[in-house]
Amino acid sequence: MAEPEGGPDMVSFRELARRLVADGVVERITHQRVSKIAETDPDFPPVVPVGRSKAVDYRLARPYFATRKSRQGQRTDLQRPASEE
C-alpha cells in the first residue's frame, strides 16, 4: 500500500481513540480496547513502539475502524463452531 502524501500521522492509542470518536468514526472506544484489538486482529495497521507507548498511523487506522464490524457485547464464548451447526 502506498504511503499517503505528506507522510504518516503517528498517534498513540489514547489519541487514536479520542480522534476516532471526535471524527465520528465510532460512537465510543477506549485506548484499552484499541490495544486489545491491535493484539488480536492480524489486519490491524502496523504498530510502532514509542518509548513505553505504542503508536499507529492515523491515516491507516481511520479506514480500518470505519470498515470494521463491531461485535460489541457479543458473547463469543457461547457460539458453536461452524462445524457443529
N, C-alpha and C. Protein backbone atom coordinates (compact mmCIF):
# COMPACT_ATOMS: atom_id res chain seq x y z
N MET A 1 0.84 -1.18 0.00
CA MET A 1 0.00 0.00 0.00
C MET A 1 0.88 1.23 0.00
N ALA A 2 0.56 2.20 -0.84
CA ALA A 2 1.36 3.41 -0.96
C ALA A 2 1.18 4.29 0.27
N GLU A 3 2.24 4.92 0.67
CA GLU A 3 2.21 5.84 1.81
C GLU A 3 1.41 7.07 1.42
N PRO A 4 0.44 7.50 2.24
CA PRO A 4 -0.32 8.72 1.92
C PRO A 4 0.62 9.91 1.80
N GLU A 5 0.27 10.82 0.91
CA GLU A 5 1.10 12.00 0.69
C GLU A 5 1.26 12.79 1.99
N GLY A 6 2.46 13.24 2.26
CA GLY A 6 2.72 14.01 3.47
C GLY A 6 3.27 13.18 4.61
N GLY A 7 3.40 11.88 4.43
CA GLY A 7 3.96 11.03 5.46
C GLY A 7 2.93 10.60 6.48
N PRO A 8 3.35 9.74 7.40
CA PRO A 8 2.41 9.19 8.38
C PRO A 8 1.99 10.22 9.42
N ASP A 9 0.85 9.96 10.02
CA ASP A 9 0.31 10.79 11.11
C ASP A 9 0.25 9.88 12.33
N MET A 10 1.40 9.71 12.98
CA MET A 10 1.51 8.75 14.08
C MET A 10 0.83 9.30 15.34
N VAL A 11 -0.02 8.45 15.94
CA VAL A 11 -0.74 8.82 17.15
C VAL A 11 -0.68 7.67 18.15
N SER A 12 -0.73 8.01 19.43
CA SER A 12 -0.79 6.99 20.48
C SER A 12 -2.17 6.34 20.44
N PHE A 13 -2.32 5.21 21.11
CA PHE A 13 -3.61 4.54 21.18
C PHE A 13 -4.64 5.44 21.87
N ARG A 14 -4.21 6.19 22.87
CA ARG A 14 -5.11 7.12 23.57
C ARG A 14 -5.61 8.20 22.61
N GLU A 15 -4.69 8.79 21.85
CA GLU A 15 -5.07 9.82 20.88
C GLU A 15 -5.90 9.23 19.74
N LEU A 16 -5.59 8.02 19.33
CA LEU A 16 -6.36 7.35 18.29
C LEU A 16 -7.81 7.19 18.73
N ALA A 17 -8.02 6.70 19.95
CA ALA A 17 -9.38 6.53 20.47
C ALA A 17 -10.11 7.88 20.51
N ARG A 18 -9.43 8.91 20.97
CA ARG A 18 -10.05 10.23 21.05
C ARG A 18 -10.45 10.75 19.67
N ARG A 19 -9.54 10.60 18.70
CA ARG A 19 -9.82 11.09 17.34
C ARG A 19 -10.93 10.31 16.65
N LEU A 20 -10.95 9.00 16.84
CA LEU A 20 -11.99 8.19 16.20
C LEU A 20 -13.37 8.63 16.66
N VAL A 21 -13.50 8.94 17.94
CA VAL A 21 -14.79 9.42 18.47
C VAL A 21 -15.07 10.83 17.97
N ALA A 22 -14.07 11.72 18.03
CA ALA A 22 -14.24 13.11 17.60
C ALA A 22 -14.60 13.19 16.12
N ASP A 23 -14.05 12.31 15.30
CA ASP A 23 -14.32 12.31 13.86
C ASP A 23 -15.61 11.56 13.50
N GLY A 24 -16.25 10.96 14.50
CA GLY A 24 -17.49 10.24 14.24
C GLY A 24 -17.31 8.88 13.59
N VAL A 25 -16.10 8.35 13.62
CA VAL A 25 -15.84 7.03 13.03
C VAL A 25 -16.49 5.95 13.88
N VAL A 26 -16.39 6.09 15.20
CA VAL A 26 -17.03 5.18 16.15
C VAL A 26 -17.76 6.02 17.19
N GLU A 27 -18.78 5.43 17.80
CA GLU A 27 -19.53 6.16 18.82
C GLU A 27 -18.70 6.36 20.08
N ARG A 28 -18.01 5.27 20.49
CA ARG A 28 -17.10 5.35 21.63
C ARG A 28 -16.12 4.19 21.57
N ILE A 29 -14.93 4.45 22.11
CA ILE A 29 -13.88 3.42 22.19
C ILE A 29 -12.83 3.92 23.18
N THR A 30 -12.23 3.00 23.90
CA THR A 30 -11.18 3.36 24.84
C THR A 30 -9.82 2.96 24.27
N HIS A 31 -8.78 3.55 24.82
CA HIS A 31 -7.44 3.16 24.36
C HIS A 31 -7.13 1.71 24.75
N GLN A 32 -7.76 1.24 25.83
CA GLN A 32 -7.56 -0.17 26.22
C GLN A 32 -8.15 -1.10 25.16
N ARG A 33 -9.32 -0.72 24.63
CA ARG A 33 -9.95 -1.54 23.59
C ARG A 33 -9.12 -1.52 22.31
N VAL A 34 -8.58 -0.35 21.97
CA VAL A 34 -7.70 -0.24 20.80
C VAL A 34 -6.52 -1.18 20.97
N SER A 35 -5.93 -1.20 22.16
CA SER A 35 -4.79 -2.06 22.44
C SER A 35 -5.16 -3.53 22.27
N LYS A 36 -6.32 -3.93 22.78
CA LYS A 36 -6.75 -5.32 22.67
C LYS A 36 -6.98 -5.71 21.21
N ILE A 37 -7.60 -4.83 20.44
CA ILE A 37 -7.83 -5.10 19.02
C ILE A 37 -6.49 -5.24 18.30
N ALA A 38 -5.54 -4.36 18.62
CA ALA A 38 -4.21 -4.40 17.99
C ALA A 38 -3.51 -5.73 18.27
N GLU A 39 -3.72 -6.27 19.48
CA GLU A 39 -3.09 -7.54 19.86
C GLU A 39 -3.72 -8.74 19.17
N THR A 40 -5.02 -8.67 18.90
CA THR A 40 -5.73 -9.86 18.45
C THR A 40 -6.10 -9.88 16.97
N ASP A 41 -6.10 -8.74 16.31
CA ASP A 41 -6.52 -8.70 14.90
C ASP A 41 -5.30 -8.57 13.98
N PRO A 42 -5.04 -9.60 13.18
CA PRO A 42 -3.88 -9.53 12.29
C PRO A 42 -4.01 -8.47 11.20
N ASP A 43 -5.22 -7.96 10.95
CA ASP A 43 -5.43 -6.93 9.94
C ASP A 43 -5.23 -5.51 10.48
N PHE A 44 -4.96 -5.39 11.80
CA PHE A 44 -4.74 -4.07 12.39
C PHE A 44 -3.52 -3.44 11.75
N PRO A 45 -3.56 -2.11 11.51
CA PRO A 45 -2.39 -1.44 10.91
C PRO A 45 -1.13 -1.63 11.76
N PRO A 46 0.04 -1.51 11.14
CA PRO A 46 1.30 -1.71 11.86
C PRO A 46 1.43 -0.79 13.08
N VAL A 47 1.88 -1.39 14.18
CA VAL A 47 2.06 -0.67 15.44
C VAL A 47 3.56 -0.43 15.65
N VAL A 48 3.89 0.79 16.08
CA VAL A 48 5.28 1.17 16.30
C VAL A 48 5.46 1.50 17.78
N PRO A 49 6.41 0.83 18.46
CA PRO A 49 6.66 1.20 19.85
C PRO A 49 7.37 2.55 19.93
N VAL A 50 6.88 3.40 20.84
CA VAL A 50 7.49 4.71 21.07
C VAL A 50 7.66 4.83 22.57
N GLY A 51 8.87 4.59 23.04
CA GLY A 51 9.10 4.55 24.48
C GLY A 51 8.28 3.42 25.09
N ARG A 52 7.48 3.74 26.10
CA ARG A 52 6.62 2.73 26.73
C ARG A 52 5.25 2.66 26.09
N SER A 53 5.01 3.55 25.12
CA SER A 53 3.71 3.60 24.44
C SER A 53 3.79 2.93 23.08
N LYS A 54 2.64 2.81 22.45
CA LYS A 54 2.57 2.28 21.09
C LYS A 54 1.85 3.32 20.24
N ALA A 55 2.26 3.41 18.97
CA ALA A 55 1.66 4.37 18.06
C ALA A 55 1.27 3.68 16.77
N VAL A 56 0.32 4.29 16.09
CA VAL A 56 -0.17 3.78 14.82
C VAL A 56 -0.43 4.97 13.90
N ASP A 57 -0.33 4.76 12.60
CA ASP A 57 -0.59 5.82 11.63
C ASP A 57 -2.09 6.04 11.53
N TYR A 58 -2.55 7.24 11.88
CA TYR A 58 -3.98 7.53 11.85
C TYR A 58 -4.55 7.39 10.44
N ARG A 59 -3.76 7.67 9.44
CA ARG A 59 -4.23 7.56 8.05
C ARG A 59 -4.53 6.12 7.66
N LEU A 60 -3.96 5.17 8.37
CA LEU A 60 -4.26 3.75 8.13
C LEU A 60 -5.32 3.24 9.11
N ALA A 61 -5.27 3.75 10.34
CA ALA A 61 -6.19 3.27 11.38
C ALA A 61 -7.62 3.75 11.16
N ARG A 62 -7.79 4.97 10.68
CA ARG A 62 -9.15 5.51 10.48
C ARG A 62 -9.96 4.64 9.53
N PRO A 63 -9.46 4.33 8.33
CA PRO A 63 -10.26 3.47 7.44
C PRO A 63 -10.43 2.05 8.00
N TYR A 64 -9.45 1.56 8.75
CA TYR A 64 -9.58 0.24 9.37
C TYR A 64 -10.80 0.22 10.30
N PHE A 65 -10.92 1.23 11.17
CA PHE A 65 -12.04 1.28 12.10
C PHE A 65 -13.35 1.63 11.40
N ALA A 66 -13.30 2.40 10.32
CA ALA A 66 -14.51 2.77 9.59
C ALA A 66 -15.16 1.55 8.94
N THR A 67 -14.36 0.57 8.55
CA THR A 67 -14.91 -0.62 7.87
C THR A 67 -14.99 -1.84 8.78
N ARG A 68 -14.51 -1.71 10.01
CA ARG A 68 -14.51 -2.84 10.94
C ARG A 68 -15.90 -3.09 11.49
N LYS A 69 -16.32 -4.35 11.49
CA LYS A 69 -17.62 -4.71 12.03
C LYS A 69 -17.50 -4.83 13.55
N SER A 70 -18.28 -4.03 14.26
CA SER A 70 -18.26 -4.05 15.72
C SER A 70 -18.99 -5.27 16.23
N ARG A 71 -18.42 -5.92 17.24
CA ARG A 71 -19.07 -7.07 17.88
C ARG A 71 -19.31 -6.75 19.34
N GLN A 72 -19.57 -5.49 19.63
CA GLN A 72 -19.75 -5.02 21.00
C GLN A 72 -20.84 -5.82 21.70
N GLY A 73 -20.50 -6.38 22.85
CA GLY A 73 -21.47 -7.12 23.66
C GLY A 73 -21.74 -8.53 23.20
N GLN A 74 -21.13 -8.96 22.12
CA GLN A 74 -21.37 -10.30 21.60
C GLN A 74 -20.62 -11.33 22.43
N ARG A 75 -21.33 -12.36 22.87
CA ARG A 75 -20.72 -13.42 23.69
C ARG A 75 -20.16 -14.49 22.76
N THR A 76 -18.90 -14.38 22.43
CA THR A 76 -18.28 -15.36 21.54
C THR A 76 -18.06 -16.70 22.24
N ASP A 77 -18.05 -16.72 23.57
CA ASP A 77 -17.84 -17.97 24.29
C ASP A 77 -19.07 -18.88 24.23
N LEU A 78 -20.21 -18.34 23.81
CA LEU A 78 -21.42 -19.14 23.71
C LEU A 78 -21.70 -19.64 22.30
N GLN A 79 -20.89 -19.20 21.35
CA GLN A 79 -21.12 -19.61 19.96
C GLN A 79 -20.55 -20.99 19.70
N ARG A 80 -21.27 -21.73 18.88
CA ARG A 80 -20.77 -23.03 18.43
C ARG A 80 -19.88 -22.83 17.21
N PRO A 81 -18.87 -23.65 17.09
CA PRO A 81 -18.07 -23.61 15.87
C PRO A 81 -18.95 -23.94 14.67
N ALA A 82 -18.64 -23.39 13.52
CA ALA A 82 -19.43 -23.60 12.31
C ALA A 82 -19.62 -25.07 11.98
N SER A 83 -18.66 -25.92 12.33
CA SER A 83 -18.74 -27.35 12.02
C SER A 83 -19.84 -28.05 12.81
N GLU A 84 -20.28 -27.47 13.94
CA GLU A 84 -21.32 -28.09 14.76
C GLU A 84 -22.72 -27.66 14.36
N GLU A 85 -22.85 -26.61 13.56
CA GLU A 85 -24.17 -26.10 13.21
C GLU A 85 -24.77 -26.84 12.06
